[in-house]
Amino acid sequence: MSLIIGWAINAVSLLLLTWLLPAVNVASVGAALIAALVLGLLNAVIRPVLLVLTLPVNVLTLGLFTFVINGFLFWLAARMLDGFEVRSFGWAILAAIVYSLISWAVSALVPGRRD
């Protein structure tokens, strides 16, 4: 049940993100659910590999390169899916940051959910 609630929180976060950033567009609630699923899968499978491969750069930038990795995964998900668009890679980096902040805030509002 917790997994489904987390998935719904991420979909709601994507819908809120489209309201905050004009460069991000999600066509429908269904597209938001699919995009949240794809983002979760990309973060679970590809992100750890990218973090290990870019470890020297990440150490040199004191961890700031992680924002670029998160933006890349956000941009990749947008390129893979119909109904989920990000205008450019720069917007994808900003969108990934705002998306994580919204997800954190919405998760904090849900009673009984602690990640």
Protein backbone atom coordinates (compact mmCIF):
# COMPACT_ATOMS: atom_id res chain seq x y z
CA MET A 1 0.00 0.00 0.00
CA SER A 2 2.88 2.34 0.78
CA LEU A 3 4.27 1.85 -2.72
CA ILE A 4 0.96 2.90 -4.31
CA ILE A 5 0.73 5.96 -2.05
CA GLY A 6 4.28 6.95 -3.00
CA TRP A 7 3.45 6.52 -6.67
CA ALA A 8 0.37 8.72 -6.31
CA ILE A 9 2.38 11.35 -4.42
CA ASN A 10 4.92 11.48 -7.24
CA ALA A 11 2.16 11.79 -9.84
CA VAL A 12 0.57 14.65 -7.90
CA SER A 13 4.00 16.26 -7.60
CA LEU A 14 4.38 16.11 -11.39
CA LEU A 15 1.00 17.75 -11.87
CA LEU A 16 1.94 20.50 -9.40
CA LEU A 17 5.25 20.94 -11.20
CA THR A 18 3.47 21.70 -14.48
CA TRP A 19 1.61 24.47 -12.69
CA LEU A 20 4.84 25.97 -11.28
CA LEU A 21 7.20 25.66 -14.27
CA PRO A 22 6.01 26.70 -17.72
CA ALA A 23 8.62 24.55 -19.48
CA VAL A 24 7.22 21.28 -18.12
CA ASN A 25 4.02 19.87 -19.57
CA VAL A 26 2.07 16.79 -18.50
CA ALA A 27 -0.92 16.11 -20.74
CA SER A 28 -3.15 14.22 -18.31
CA VAL A 29 -3.38 12.46 -14.98
CA GLY A 30 -2.70 9.15 -16.73
CA ALA A 31 0.44 10.58 -18.29
CA ALA A 32 1.51 11.81 -14.85
CA LEU A 33 1.03 8.33 -13.38
CA ILE A 34 3.06 6.73 -16.17
CA ALA A 35 5.77 9.41 -15.93
CA ALA A 36 5.99 8.92 -12.15
CA LEU A 37 6.40 5.17 -12.70
CA VAL A 38 9.09 5.65 -15.35
CA LEU A 39 10.93 8.21 -13.21
CA GLY A 40 10.87 5.78 -10.30
CA LEU A 41 12.24 2.97 -12.44
CA LEU A 42 14.97 5.17 -13.92
CA ASN A 43 15.98 6.36 -10.45
CA ALA A 44 16.05 2.78 -9.15
CA VAL A 45 17.97 1.21 -12.04
CA ILE A 46 20.04 3.80 -13.93
CA ARG A 47 20.78 6.42 -11.25
CA PRO A 48 23.04 4.19 -9.09
CA VAL A 49 25.09 3.23 -12.13
CA LEU A 50 25.47 6.86 -13.20
CA LEU A 51 26.46 7.90 -9.68
CA VAL A 52 29.22 5.30 -9.60
CA LEU A 53 30.46 6.15 -13.11
CA THR A 54 30.57 9.88 -12.35
CA LEU A 55 31.99 9.56 -8.85
CA PRO A 56 35.24 11.46 -9.61
CA VAL A 57 33.32 14.40 -11.11
CA ASN A 58 30.85 14.29 -8.25
CA VAL A 59 33.67 14.45 -5.70
CA LEU A 60 35.32 17.36 -7.53
CA THR A 61 32.05 19.31 -7.58
CA LEU A 62 31.26 18.42 -3.95
CA GLY A 63 28.14 16.53 -4.98
CA LEU A 64 26.63 19.21 -7.19
CA PHE A 65 26.94 16.99 -10.26
CA THR A 66 24.13 14.91 -8.76
CA PHE A 67 21.77 17.69 -9.85
CA VAL A 68 22.92 17.14 -13.44
CA ILE A 69 22.32 13.39 -13.13
CA ASN A 70 18.83 13.96 -11.72
CA GLY A 71 18.11 16.44 -14.50
CA PHE A 72 19.35 13.96 -17.10
CA LEU A 73 17.03 11.25 -15.80
CA PHE A 74 14.11 13.70 -15.76
CA TRP A 75 14.92 14.76 -19.34
CA LEU A 76 15.31 11.11 -20.40
CA ALA A 77 11.89 10.22 -19.01
CA ALA A 78 10.37 13.16 -20.88
CA ARG A 79 12.03 12.03 -24.12
CA MET A 80 10.75 8.48 -23.68
CA LEU A 81 7.10 9.30 -22.99
CA ASP A 82 4.29 10.90 -24.94
CA GLY A 83 2.33 13.39 -22.90
CA PHE A 84 5.29 14.39 -20.73
CA GLU A 85 7.49 17.17 -22.10
CA VAL A 86 10.38 19.28 -20.85
CA ARG A 87 11.50 22.19 -23.01
CA SER A 88 15.29 21.78 -22.57
CA PHE A 89 17.98 20.09 -20.51
CA GLY A 90 18.45 23.19 -18.35
CA TRP A 91 14.76 23.21 -17.52
CA ALA A 92 15.02 19.48 -16.76
CA ILE A 93 17.66 20.16 -14.09
CA LEU A 94 15.52 22.85 -12.50
CA ALA A 95 12.39 20.68 -12.82
CA ALA A 96 14.14 17.75 -11.11
CA ILE A 97 15.07 19.97 -8.17
CA VAL A 98 11.58 21.45 -7.83
CA TYR A 99 9.99 18.01 -8.33
CA SER A 100 11.99 16.52 -5.47
CA LEU A 101 11.07 19.45 -3.20
CA ILE A 102 7.37 19.12 -4.05
CA SER A 103 7.48 15.33 -3.51
CA TRP A 104 9.13 15.82 -0.14
CA ALA A 105 6.57 18.45 0.92
CA VAL A 106 3.56 16.40 -0.20
CA SER A 107 4.96 13.29 1.50
CA ALA A 108 5.35 15.25 4.71
CA LEU A 109 1.66 16.21 4.56
CA VAL A 110 0.45 12.62 4.26
CA PRO A 111 -0.23 11.26 7.75
CA GLY A 112 1.54 8.07 8.75
CA ARG A 113 4.03 8.16 5.86
CA ARG A 114 7.68 8.46 6.79
CA ASP A 115 10.42 7.88 4.18
